[in-house]
PDB file of N, CA and C in Angstrom:
ATOM      1  N   MET A   1     158.059 230.868  86.376  1.00  0.00           N
ATOM      2  CA  MET A   1     158.233 231.127  84.966  1.00  0.00           C
ATOM      3  C   MET A   1     157.036 231.929  84.465  1.00  0.00           C
ATOM      4  N   TYR A   2     157.304 232.831  83.518  1.00  0.00           N
ATOM      5  CA  TYR A   2     156.267 233.680  82.940  1.00  0.00           C
ATOM      6  C   TYR A   2     156.270 233.547  81.427  1.00  0.00           C
ATOM      7  N   ILE A   3     155.114 233.781  80.854  1.00  0.00           N
ATOM      8  CA  ILE A   3     154.976 233.793  79.403  1.00  0.00           C
ATOM      9  C   ILE A   3     154.414 235.149  79.004  1.00  0.00           C
ATOM     10  N   TYR A   4     155.099 235.767  78.076  1.00  0.00           N
ATOM     11  CA  TYR A   4     154.634 237.018  77.475  1.00  0.00           C
ATOM     12  C   TYR A   4     153.979 236.608  76.159  1.00  0.00           C
ATOM     13  N   ASN A   5     152.658 236.674  76.114  1.00  0.00           N
ATOM     14  CA  ASN A   5     151.896 236.222  74.959  1.00  0.00           C
ATOM     15  C   ASN A   5     151.459 237.422  74.116  1.00  0.00           C
ATOM     16  N   VAL A   6     151.765 237.363  72.825  1.00  0.00           N
ATOM     17  CA  VAL A   6     151.335 238.399  71.895  1.00  0.00           C
ATOM     18  C   VAL A   6     150.460 237.726  70.846  1.00  0.00           C
ATOM     19  N   THR A   7     149.200 238.131  70.777  1.00  0.00           N
ATOM     20  CA  THR A   7     148.271 237.599  69.787  1.00  0.00           C
ATOM     21  C   THR A   7     148.093 238.649  68.704  1.00  0.00           C
ATOM     22  N   ILE A   8     148.300 238.235  67.467  1.00  0.00           N
ATOM     23  CA  ILE A   8     148.290 239.165  66.331  1.00  0.00           C
ATOM     24  C   ILE A   8     147.346 238.658  65.261  1.00  0.00           C
ATOM     25  N   ASN A   9     146.478 239.552  64.774  1.00  0.00           N
ATOM     26  CA  ASN A   9     145.670 239.262  63.594  1.00  0.00           C
ATOM     27  C   ASN A   9     146.254 240.111  62.470  1.00  0.00           C
ATOM     28  N   ILE A  10     146.725 239.440  61.421  1.00  0.00           N
ATOM     29  CA  ILE A  10     147.397 240.122  60.323  1.00  0.00           C
ATOM     30  C   ILE A  10     146.559 239.997  59.051  1.00  0.00           C
ATOM     31  N   GLU A  11     146.456 241.082  58.301  1.00  0.00           N
ATOM     32  CA  GLU A  11     145.708 241.050  57.045  1.00  0.00           C
ATOM     33  C   GLU A  11     146.389 240.110  56.051  1.00  0.00           C
ATOM     34  N   GLU A  12     145.575 239.422  55.288  1.00  0.00           N
ATOM     35  CA  GLU A  12     146.113 238.464  54.325  1.00  0.00           C
ATOM     36  C   GLU A  12     146.965 239.132  53.251  1.00  0.00           C
ATOM     37  N   THR A  13     146.719 240.398  52.961  1.00  0.00           N
ATOM     38  CA  THR A  13     147.459 241.087  51.901  1.00  0.00           C
ATOM     39  C   THR A  13     148.944 241.235  52.221  1.00  0.00           C
ATOM     40  N   VAL A  14     149.306 241.234  53.508  1.00  0.00           N
ATOM     41  CA  VAL A  14     150.719 241.354  53.902  1.00  0.00           C
ATOM     42  C   VAL A  14     151.197 240.144  54.699  1.00  0.00           C
ATOM     43  N   HIS A  15     150.375 239.114  54.758  1.00  0.00           N
ATOM     44  CA  HIS A  15     150.685 237.961  55.590  1.00  0.00           C
ATOM     45  C   HIS A  15     152.052 237.355  55.299  1.00  0.00           C
ATOM     46  N   ASP A  16     152.352 237.071  54.054  1.00  0.00           N
ATOM     47  CA  ASP A  16     153.600 236.364  53.737  1.00  0.00           C
ATOM     48  C   ASP A  16     154.819 237.190  54.124  1.00  0.00           C
ATOM     49  N   GLU A  17     154.788 238.475  53.822  1.00  0.00           N
ATOM     50  CA  GLU A  17     155.902 239.359  54.192  1.00  0.00           C
ATOM     51  C   GLU A  17     156.034 239.426  55.716  1.00  0.00           C
ATOM     52  N   TRP A  18     154.908 239.586  56.406  1.00  0.00           N
ATOM     53  CA  TRP A  18     154.907 239.658  57.859  1.00  0.00           C
ATOM     54  C   TRP A  18     155.420 238.362  58.475  1.00  0.00           C
ATOM     55  N   PHE A  19     154.949 237.229  57.978  1.00  0.00           N
ATOM     56  CA  PHE A  19     155.348 235.935  58.533  1.00  0.00           C
ATOM     57  C   PHE A  19     156.861 235.738  58.388  1.00  0.00           C
ATOM     58  N   ASP A  20     157.397 236.073  57.225  1.00  0.00           N
ATOM     59  CA  ASP A  20     158.837 235.967  56.998  1.00  0.00           C
ATOM     60  C   ASP A  20     159.594 236.877  57.964  1.00  0.00           C
ATOM     61  N   TRP A  21     159.106 238.104  58.133  1.00  0.00           N
ATOM     62  CA  TRP A  21     159.720 239.051  59.046  1.00  0.00           C
ATOM     63  C   TRP A  21     159.683 238.531  60.484  1.00  0.00           C
ATOM     64  N   MET A  22     158.570 237.969  60.913  1.00  0.00           N
ATOM     65  CA  MET A  22     158.462 237.420  62.263  1.00  0.00           C
ATOM     66  C   MET A  22     159.487 236.315  62.482  1.00  0.00           C
ATOM     67  N   GLN A  23     159.540 235.374  61.531  1.00  0.00           N
ATOM     68  CA  GLN A  23     160.412 234.218  61.676  1.00  0.00           C
ATOM     69  C   GLN A  23     161.902 234.569  61.615  1.00  0.00           C
ATOM     70  N   ASN A  24     162.251 235.479  60.739  1.00  0.00           N
ATOM     71  CA  ASN A  24     163.661 235.738  60.461  1.00  0.00           C
ATOM     72  C   ASN A  24     164.226 237.001  61.097  1.00  0.00           C
ATOM     73  N   GLU A  25     163.357 237.889  61.573  1.00  0.00           N
ATOM     74  CA  GLU A  25     163.846 239.121  62.183  1.00  0.00           C
ATOM     75  C   GLU A  25     163.286 239.345  63.585  1.00  0.00           C
ATOM     76  N   HIS A  26     161.963 239.465  63.694  1.00  0.00           N
ATOM     77  CA  HIS A  26     161.388 239.902  64.967  1.00  0.00           C
ATOM     78  C   HIS A  26     161.588 238.905  66.104  1.00  0.00           C
ATOM     79  N   ILE A  27     161.225 237.662  65.896  1.00  0.00           N
ATOM     80  CA  ILE A  27     161.396 236.680  66.977  1.00  0.00           C
ATOM     81  C   ILE A  27     162.872 236.526  67.341  1.00  0.00           C
ATOM     82  N   PRO A  28     163.793 236.402  66.365  1.00  0.00           N
ATOM     83  CA  PRO A  28     165.212 236.373  66.755  1.00  0.00           C
ATOM     84  C   PRO A  28     165.653 237.625  67.512  1.00  0.00           C
ATOM     85  N   ASP A  29     165.124 238.803  67.133  1.00  0.00           N
ATOM     86  CA  ASP A  29     165.461 240.035  67.855  1.00  0.00           C
ATOM     87  C   ASP A  29     164.943 239.987  69.296  1.00  0.00           C
ATOM     88  N   MET A  30     163.745 239.457  69.482  1.00  0.00           N
ATOM     89  CA  MET A  30     163.198 239.321  70.835  1.00  0.00           C
ATOM     90  C   MET A  30     164.089 238.404  71.674  1.00  0.00           C
ATOM     91  N   LEU A  31     164.480 237.281  71.101  1.00  0.00           N
ATOM     92  CA  LEU A  31     165.324 236.343  71.840  1.00  0.00           C
ATOM     93  C   LEU A  31     166.715 236.921  72.110  1.00  0.00           C
ATOM     94  N   SER A  32     167.210 237.746  71.199  1.00  0.00           N
ATOM     95  CA  SER A  32     168.558 238.303  71.375  1.00  0.00           C
ATOM     96  C   SER A  32     168.631 239.336  72.496  1.00  0.00           C
ATOM     97  N   THR A  33     167.483 239.761  73.031  1.00  0.00           N
ATOM     98  CA  THR A  33     167.514 240.660  74.190  1.00  0.00           C
ATOM     99  C   THR A  33     168.079 239.944  75.418  1.00  0.00           C
ATOM    100  N   GLY A  34     168.063 238.610  75.381  1.00  0.00           N
ATOM    101  CA  GLY A  34     168.528 237.831  76.523  1.00  0.00           C
ATOM    102  C   GLY A  34     167.496 237.695  77.620  1.00  0.00           C
ATOM    103  N   LYS A  35     166.313 238.196  77.391  1.00  0.00           N
ATOM    104  CA  LYS A  35     165.283 238.175  78.429  1.00  0.00           C
ATOM    105  C   LYS A  35     164.291 237.022  78.271  1.00  0.00           C
ATOM    106  N   PHE A  36     164.352 236.344  77.142  1.00  0.00           N
ATOM    107  CA  PHE A  36     163.439 235.225  76.879  1.00  0.00           C
ATOM    108  C   PHE A  36     164.254 233.984  76.518  1.00  0.00           C
ATOM    109  N   SER A  37     163.839 232.843  77.045  1.00  0.00           N
ATOM    110  CA  SER A  37     164.573 231.595  76.784  1.00  0.00           C
ATOM    111  C   SER A  37     164.076 230.865  75.547  1.00  0.00           C
ATOM    112  N   LYS A  38     162.826 231.121  75.166  1.00  0.00           N
ATOM    113  CA  LYS A  38     162.301 230.482  73.963  1.00  0.00           C
ATOM    114  C   LYS A  38     161.064 231.229  73.484  1.00  0.00           C
ATOM    115  N   ALA A  39     160.699 230.936  72.239  1.00  0.00           N
ATOM    116  CA  ALA A  39     159.492 231.516  71.650  1.00  0.00           C
ATOM    117  C   ALA A  39     158.732 230.402  70.935  1.00  0.00           C
ATOM    118  N   LEU A  40     157.440 230.383  71.138  1.00  0.00           N
ATOM    119  CA  LEU A  40     156.558 229.410  70.491  1.00  0.00           C
ATOM    120  C   LEU A  40     155.532 230.191  69.689  1.00  0.00           C
ATOM    121  N   MET A  41     155.492 229.958  68.384  1.00  0.00           N
ATOM    122  CA  MET A  41     154.526 230.652  67.526  1.00  0.00           C
ATOM    123  C   MET A  41     153.467 229.648  67.095  1.00  0.00           C
ATOM    124  N   THR A  42     152.209 229.988  67.347  1.00  0.00           N
ATOM    125  CA  THR A  42     151.106 229.106  66.986  1.00  0.00           C
ATOM    126  C   THR A  42     150.091 229.865  66.139  1.00  0.00           C
ATOM    127  N   LYS A  43     149.407 229.125  65.294  1.00  0.00           N
ATOM    128  CA  LYS A  43     148.348 229.706  64.470  1.00  0.00           C
ATOM    129  C   LYS A  43     147.024 229.424  65.156  1.00  0.00           C
ATOM    130  N   VAL A  44     146.214 230.445  65.308  1.00  0.00           N
ATOM    131  CA  VAL A  44     144.894 230.301  65.910  1.00  0.00           C
ATOM    132  C   VAL A  44     143.956 229.744  64.841  1.00  0.00           C
ATOM    133  N   LEU A  45     143.282 228.654  65.162  1.00  0.00           N
ATOM    134  CA  LEU A  45     142.475 227.962  64.163  1.00  0.00           C
ATOM    135  C   LEU A  45     141.036 228.441  64.079  1.00  0.00           C
ATOM    136  N   VAL A  46     140.651 229.359  64.953  1.00  0.00           N
ATOM    137  CA  VAL A  46     139.313 229.930  64.899  1.00  0.00           C
ATOM    138  C   VAL A  46     139.333 231.097  63.919  1.00  0.00           C
ATOM    139  N   GLU A  47     138.412 231.103  62.970  1.00  0.00           N
ATOM    140  CA  GLU A  47     138.356 232.201  62.011  1.00  0.00           C
ATOM    141  C   GLU A  47     137.719 233.420  62.663  1.00  0.00           C
ATOM    142  N   GLU A  48     138.336 234.566  62.436  1.00  0.00           N
ATOM    143  CA  GLU A  48     137.842 235.822  62.991  1.00  0.00           C
ATOM    144  C   GLU A  48     136.821 236.448  62.046  1.00  0.00           C
ATOM    145  N   GLU A  49     135.797 237.059  62.612  1.00  0.00           N
ATOM    146  CA  GLU A  49     134.803 237.747  61.796  1.00  0.00           C
ATOM    147  C   GLU A  49     135.428 238.863  60.973  1.00  0.00           C
ATOM    148  N   MET A  50     136.470 239.489  61.524  1.00  0.00           N
ATOM    149  CA  MET A  50     137.114 240.601  60.824  1.00  0.00           C
ATOM    150  C   MET A  50     138.029 240.127  59.703  1.00  0.00           C
ATOM    151  N   GLY A  51     138.196 238.805  59.571  1.00  0.00           N
ATOM    152  CA  GLY A  51     139.086 238.275  58.550  1.00  0.00           C
ATOM    153  C   GLY A  51     140.515 238.227  59.054  1.00  0.00           C
ATOM    154  N   GLY A  52     141.447 238.100  58.126  1.00  0.00           N
ATOM    155  CA  GLY A  52     142.850 238.012  58.498  1.00  0.00           C
ATOM    156  C   GLY A  52     143.201 236.651  59.057  1.00  0.00           C
ATOM    157  N   ILE A  53     144.453 236.520  59.432  1.00  0.00           N
ATOM    158  CA  ILE A  53     144.978 235.285  60.007  1.00  0.00           C
ATOM    159  C   ILE A  53     145.545 235.640  61.369  1.00  0.00           C
ATOM    160  N   THR A  54     145.237 234.817  62.374  1.00  0.00           N
ATOM    161  CA  THR A  54     145.633 235.122  63.744  1.00  0.00           C
ATOM    162  C   THR A  54     146.689 234.145  64.240  1.00  0.00           C
ATOM    163  N   TYR A  55     147.688 234.700  64.920  1.00  0.00           N
ATOM    164  CA  TYR A  55     148.760 233.918  65.526  1.00  0.00           C
ATOM    165  C   TYR A  55     148.920 234.339  66.975  1.00  0.00           C
ATOM    166  N   ALA A  56     149.436 233.432  67.778  1.00  0.00           N
ATOM    167  CA  ALA A  56     149.849 233.748  69.146  1.00  0.00           C
ATOM    168  C   ALA A  56     151.322 233.373  69.268  1.00  0.00           C
ATOM    169  N   VAL A  57     152.102 234.301  69.770  1.00  0.00           N
ATOM    170  CA  VAL A  57     153.525 234.048  69.997  1.00  0.00           C
ATOM    171  C   VAL A  57     153.764 234.132  71.488  1.00  0.00           C
ATOM    172  N   GLN A  58     154.314 233.064  72.045  1.00  0.00           N
ATOM    173  CA  GLN A  58     154.551 233.000  73.482  1.00  0.00           C
ATOM    174  C   GLN A  58     156.052 232.999  73.754  1.00  0.00           C
ATOM    175  N   TYR A  59     156.490 234.039  74.462  1.00  0.00           N
ATOM    176  CA  TYR A  59     157.889 234.196  74.835  1.00  0.00           C
ATOM    177  C   TYR A  59     158.033 233.817  76.306  1.00  0.00           C
ATOM    178  N   THR A  60     158.880 232.853  76.598  1.00  0.00           N
ATOM    179  CA  THR A  60     159.067 232.382  77.967  1.00  0.00           C
ATOM    180  C   THR A  60     160.194 233.153  78.639  1.00  0.00           C
ATOM    181  N   THR A  61     159.929 233.601  79.868  1.00  0.00           N
ATOM    182  CA  THR A  61     160.935 234.322  80.649  1.00  0.00           C
ATOM    183  C   THR A  61     160.927 233.796  82.078  1.00  0.00           C
ATOM    184  N   LYS A  62     162.039 233.994  82.781  1.00  0.00           N
ATOM    185  CA  LYS A  62     162.181 233.374  84.100  1.00  0.00           C
ATOM    186  C   LYS A  62     161.440 234.088  85.222  1.00  0.00           C
ATOM    187  N   SER A  63     161.205 235.393  85.072  1.00  0.00           N
ATOM    188  CA  SER A  63     160.590 236.110  86.192  1.00  0.00           C
ATOM    189  C   SER A  63     159.830 237.343  85.711  1.00  0.00           C
ATOM    190  N   LYS A  64     158.993 237.823  86.589  1.00  0.00           N
ATOM    191  CA  LYS A  64     158.251 239.064  86.342  1.00  0.00           C
ATOM    192  C   LYS A  64     159.229 240.231  86.215  1.00  0.00           C
ATOM    193  N   GLU A  65     160.296 240.196  86.985  1.00  0.00           N
ATOM    194  CA  GLU A  65     161.308 241.255  86.933  1.00  0.00           C
ATOM    195  C   GLU A  65     162.004 241.293  85.574  1.00  0.00           C
ATOM    196  N   THR A  66     162.290 240.133  85.025  1.00  0.00           N
ATOM    197  CA  THR A  66     162.929 240.079  83.708  1.00  0.00           C
ATOM    198  C   THR A  66     161.982 240.611  82.646  1.00  0.00           C
ATOM    199  N   LEU A  67     160.716 240.278  82.761  1.00  0.00           N
ATOM    200  CA  LEU A  67     159.729 240.796  81.827  1.00  0.00           C
ATOM    201  C   LEU A  67     159.631 242.319  81.944  1.00  0.00           C
ATOM    202  N   GLN A  68     159.668 242.826  83.152  1.00  0.00           N
ATOM    203  CA  GLN A  68     159.634 244.278  83.355  1.00  0.00           C
ATOM    204  C   GLN A  68     160.859 244.950  82.732  1.00  0.00           C
ATOM    205  N   LYS A  69     162.011 244.303  82.819  1.00  0.00           N
ATOM    206  CA  LYS A  69     163.224 244.841  82.186  1.00  0.00           C
ATOM    207  C   LYS A  69     163.053 244.891  80.665  1.00  0.00           C
ATOM    208  N   TYR A  70     162.374 243.878  80.103  1.00  0.00           N
ATOM    209  CA  TYR A  70     162.087 243.907  78.663  1.00  0.00           C
ATOM    210  C   TYR A  70     161.260 245.150  78.332  1.00  0.00           C
ATOM    211  N   TYR A  71     160.205 245.404  79.114  1.00  0.00           N
ATOM    212  CA  TYR A  71     159.358 246.583  78.862  1.00  0.00           C
ATOM    213  C   TYR A  71     160.179 247.870  78.926  1.00  0.00           C
ATOM    214  N   THR A  72     161.026 247.973  79.923  1.00  0.00           N
ATOM    215  CA  THR A  72     161.811 249.185  80.145  1.00  0.00           C
ATOM    216  C   THR A  72     162.913 249.379  79.100  1.00  0.00           C
ATOM    217  N   GLU A  73     163.618 248.295  78.760  1.00  0.00           N
ATOM    218  CA  GLU A  73     164.819 248.395  77.941  1.00  0.00           C
ATOM    219  C   GLU A  73     164.624 248.123  76.453  1.00  0.00           C
ATOM    220  N   ASP A  74     163.614 247.333  76.085  1.00  0.00           N
ATOM    221  CA  ASP A  74     163.545 246.837  74.705  1.00  0.00           C
ATOM    222  C   ASP A  74     162.207 247.024  73.991  1.00  0.00           C
ATOM    223  N   ALA A  75     161.120 247.063  74.723  1.00  0.00           N
ATOM    224  CA  ALA A  75     159.786 246.995  74.109  1.00  0.00           C
ATOM    225  C   ALA A  75     159.531 248.115  73.110  1.00  0.00           C
ATOM    226  N   ASP A  76     159.828 249.347  73.462  1.00  0.00           N
ATOM    227  CA  ASP A  76     159.542 250.460  72.557  1.00  0.00           C
ATOM    228  C   ASP A  76     160.274 250.301  71.228  1.00  0.00           C
ATOM    229  N   ARG A  77     161.549 249.946  71.290  1.00  0.00           N
ATOM    230  CA  ARG A  77     162.355 249.774  70.071  1.00  0.00           C
ATOM    231  C   ARG A  77     161.803 248.640  69.203  1.00  0.00           C
ATOM    232  N   LEU A  78     161.511 247.505  69.817  1.00  0.00           N
ATOM    233  CA  LEU A  78     161.041 246.355  69.042  1.00  0.00           C
ATOM    234  C   LEU A  78     159.624 246.564  68.506  1.00  0.00           C
ATOM    235  N   ARG A  79     158.784 247.217  69.269  1.00  0.00           N
ATOM    236  CA  ARG A  79     157.428 247.500  68.782  1.00  0.00           C
ATOM    237  C   ARG A  79     157.454 248.510  67.643  1.00  0.00           C
ATOM    238  N   ALA A  80     158.403 249.425  67.658  1.00  0.00           N
ATOM    239  CA  ALA A  80     158.514 250.428  66.590  1.00  0.00           C
ATOM    240  C   ALA A  80     158.810 249.768  65.238  1.00  0.00           C
ATOM    241  N   GLU A  81     159.443 248.619  65.268  1.00  0.00           N
ATOM    242  CA  GLU A  81     159.772 247.924  64.022  1.00  0.00           C
ATOM    243  C   GLU A  81     158.524 247.404  63.298  1.00  0.00           C
ATOM    244  N   THR A  82     157.396 247.351  63.987  1.00  0.00           N
ATOM    245  CA  THR A  82     156.167 246.883  63.352  1.00  0.00           C
ATOM    246  C   THR A  82     155.527 247.966  62.492  1.00  0.00           C
ATOM    247  N   ALA A  83     156.107 249.169  62.484  1.00  0.00           N
ATOM    248  CA  ALA A  83     155.525 250.300  61.743  1.00  0.00           C
ATOM    249  C   ALA A  83     155.330 249.983  60.267  1.00  0.00           C
ATOM    250  N   ARG A  84     156.171 249.138  59.710  1.00  0.00           N
ATOM    251  CA  ARG A  84     156.037 248.788  58.293  1.00  0.00           C
ATOM    252  C   ARG A  84     154.718 248.070  57.989  1.00  0.00           C
ATOM    253  N   PHE A  85     154.077 247.528  59.028  1.00  0.00           N
ATOM    254  CA  PHE A  85     152.788 246.842  58.865  1.00  0.00           C
ATOM    255  C   PHE A  85     151.645 247.647  59.478  1.00  0.00           C
ATOM    256  N   SER A  86     151.887 248.902  59.750  1.00  0.00           N
ATOM    257  CA  SER A  86     150.905 249.764  60.402  1.00  0.00           C
ATOM    258  C   SER A  86     149.566 249.745  59.664  1.00  0.00           C
ATOM    259  N   GLY A  87     148.493 249.576  60.425  1.00  0.00           N
ATOM    260  CA  GLY A  87     147.153 249.540  59.855  1.00  0.00           C
ATOM    261  C   GLY A  87     146.763 248.205  59.253  1.00  0.00           C
ATOM    262  N   LYS A  88     147.693 247.256  59.260  1.00  0.00           N
ATOM    263  CA  LYS A  88     147.453 245.942  58.653  1.00  0.00           C
ATOM    264  C   LYS A  88     147.328 244.829  59.694  1.00  0.00           C
ATOM    265  N   PHE A  89     147.436 245.183  60.974  1.00  0.00           N
ATOM    266  CA  PHE A  89     147.351 244.173  62.019  1.00  0.00           C
ATOM    267  C   PHE A  89     146.732 244.754  63.288  1.00  0.00           C
ATOM    268  N   VAL A  90     146.245 243.848  64.106  1.00  0.00           N
ATOM    269  CA  VAL A  90     145.766 244.177  65.444  1.00  0.00           C
ATOM    270  C   VAL A  90     146.493 243.221  66.384  1.00  0.00           C
ATOM    271  N   ALA A  91     147.009 243.746  67.490  1.00  0.00           N
ATOM    272  CA  ALA A  91     147.724 242.893  68.439  1.00  0.00           C
ATOM    273  C   ALA A  91     147.253 243.182  69.857  1.00  0.00           C
ATOM    274  N   PHE A  92     147.248 242.145  70.680  1.00  0.00           N
ATOM    275  CA  PHE A  92     147.065 242.370  72.108  1.00  0.00           C
ATOM    276  C   PHE A  92     148.021 241.465  72.863  1.00  0.00           C
ATOM    277  N   ARG A  93     148.433 241.952  74.005  1.00  0.00           N
ATOM    278  CA  ARG A  93     149.469 241.289  74.782  1.00  0.00           C
ATOM    279  C   ARG A  93     148.906 240.850  76.133  1.00  0.00           C
ATOM    280  N   THR A  94     149.367 239.682  76.573  1.00  0.00           N
ATOM    281  CA  THR A  94     148.925 239.118  77.835  1.00  0.00           C
ATOM    282  C   THR A  94     150.129 238.557  78.577  1.00  0.00           C
ATOM    283  N   GLU A  95     150.172 238.777  79.878  1.00  0.00           N
ATOM    284  CA  GLU A  95     151.192 238.161  80.714  1.00  0.00           C
ATOM    285  C   GLU A  95     150.576 236.947  81.394  1.00  0.00           C
ATOM    286  N   LEU A  96     151.292 235.829  81.349  1.00  0.00           N
ATOM    287  CA  LEU A  96     150.824 234.590  81.957  1.00  0.00           C
ATOM    288  C   LEU A  96     151.864 234.086  82.954  1.00  0.00           C
ATOM    289  N   GLU A  97     151.415 233.615  84.082  1.00  0.00           N
ATOM    290  CA  GLU A  97     152.318 232.983  85.046  1.00  0.00           C
ATOM    291  C   GLU A  97     152.083 231.478  85.001  1.00  0.00           C
ATOM    292  N   VAL A  98     153.138 230.714  84.801  1.00  0.00           N
ATOM    293  CA  VAL A  98     153.026 229.265  84.775  1.00  0.00           C
ATOM    294  C   VAL A  98     152.914 228.814  86.232  1.00  0.00           C
ATOM    295  N   VAL A  99     151.804 228.152  86.549  1.00  0.00           N
ATOM    296  CA  VAL A  99     151.590 227.683  87.921  1.00  0.00           C
ATOM    297  C   VAL A  99     151.779 226.175  88.048  1.00  0.00           C
ATOM    298  N   SER A 100     151.728 225.475  86.916  1.00  0.00           N
ATOM    299  CA  SER A 100     151.906 224.039  86.942  1.00  0.00           C
ATOM    300  C   SER A 100     152.220 223.557  85.527  1.00  0.00           C
ATOM    301  N   GLU A 101     153.058 222.553  85.462  1.00  0.00           N
ATOM    302  CA  GLU A 101     153.335 221.908  84.168  1.00  0.00           C
ATOM    303  C   GLU A 101     153.417 220.422  84.409  1.00  0.00           C
ATOM    304  N   GLN A 102     152.689 219.670  83.619  1.00  0.00           N
ATOM    305  CA  GLN A 102     152.693 218.219  83.767  1.00  0.00           C
ATOM    306  C   GLN A 102     153.034 217.593  82.429  1.00  0.00           C
ATOM    307  N   ARG A 103     153.719 216.498  82.484  1.00  0.00           N
ATOM    308  CA  ARG A 103     154.082 215.759  81.274  1.00  0.00           C
ATOM    309  C   ARG A 103     153.702 214.299  81.452  1.00  0.00           C
ATOM    310  N   GLN A 104     153.474 213.677  80.354  1.00  0.00           N
ATOM    311  CA  GLN A 104     153.164 212.260  80.388  1.00  0.00           C
ATOM    312  C   GLN A 104     154.414 211.496  80.831  1.00  0.00           C
ATOM    313  N   PRO A 105     154.252 210.584  81.768  1.00  0.00           N
ATOM    314  CA  PRO A 105     155.428 209.818  82.261  1.00  0.00           C
ATOM    315  C   PRO A 105     156.046 208.959  81.172  1.00  0.00           C
TER     316      PRO A 105
END
């Protein structure tokens, strides 16, 4: 299993509009590609020197190949939708491979 992690720092001036868009449009659009089984959105609790509010969104996918298909087939289109917030956010993306998962018995 793989996680496609996107960490975003969004300016407070557009935060509410962006948050609504993420919840009601962008994350559902990501899931509708069929390449991710779930999305987990978390708020980063460390304050950034640059200000803004930081979130990490983790999209779970079954394989590296499926993630590559997302890059090839969907990424450009979905990333283009962020243009409405251009200059108001900084994002970086990380690929994670799940090597172990443990749960309390």
